Amino acid sequence: MDKKYKRVLLKLSGESLAGEEKKGINFDIVESFCNAIKKCVDDGVQVAIVVGGGNFWRGRSSGKMDRTRADHMGMLATAINALGVGDTLEQAGVDVRVMTAISMPQVAEPYIRNRAVRHLEKGRVVIFGCGTGNPFFSTDTAAALRAVEIDADIIMKATMVDGVYDSDPKKNPDAKRYDRVSFDEVLAKNLAVMDSTAASLCKDNNMPILVFSVDEPMNIYKAVCGENIGTVCG
């Protein structure tokens, strides 16, 4: 099947890595994601990944803890996930580099934009951990930033729902799913795509987002092929 995109940024939430357990890493699920990613790489698609950390830590629900410190803990949670996904990909025979926005040279490479692009050009999957490296910014914003920096064709946001709706489909059975929606609508209607900082960054840099479900892990491959799944924002 022809590939629509040459270079993609895949955003995986921490929750998607946990499965029904809701916490920690379910490596059976991660393996299913990695099999789809390997299929993309084997077909010549350059894949970068940003991982969330909500399966280990959610700083915003940490009560009285200082927000900066709570966010630092969240960044470390994303590093755990990045290493877990990276190891699973390596076991599948995929060449991987984990790069982190916080320096931890004994564990991963420091994020350097040109080095990341070179890894991609050599057919390696690059996994970005630790978000942007700054508190008060989500991993969605990190995905938007890294996608723009590496000149990705699109952000593929793998979620637990099959697209973007005008209201919460879990609460409203009549919720309407969009096939395509503009960033102006996303921001004006506060649609649950990404946080406003990430959406604004994508809008300002003409970076489209495809929001789709990973209940079927091979949707990752279908998305790369340009199949009509999910919602395109842009």
Foldseek 3Di string as FASTA:
>chain_A
DDFPWQEEEEEEEPQQQPPPVSADGDVVSLLLLLVLVVVCLVVRHQYEYEYWQRNHADLVPPPPDDQFVSLQVRLVSSLVVLVSSQVSNVVVVAAEFEEECDDDPVRHHHDDLVVSLVCSVVSHYYYYTSQNVGTPDGNLLSSLVSCLSSVTQAYEYEDAAFAWWLDDCVVDVPTDGALEEELVCCVVSVIPDDPNNSSVSCNVRVHKYFYGYCVPSNVVNVVRRVHRTYYIYD
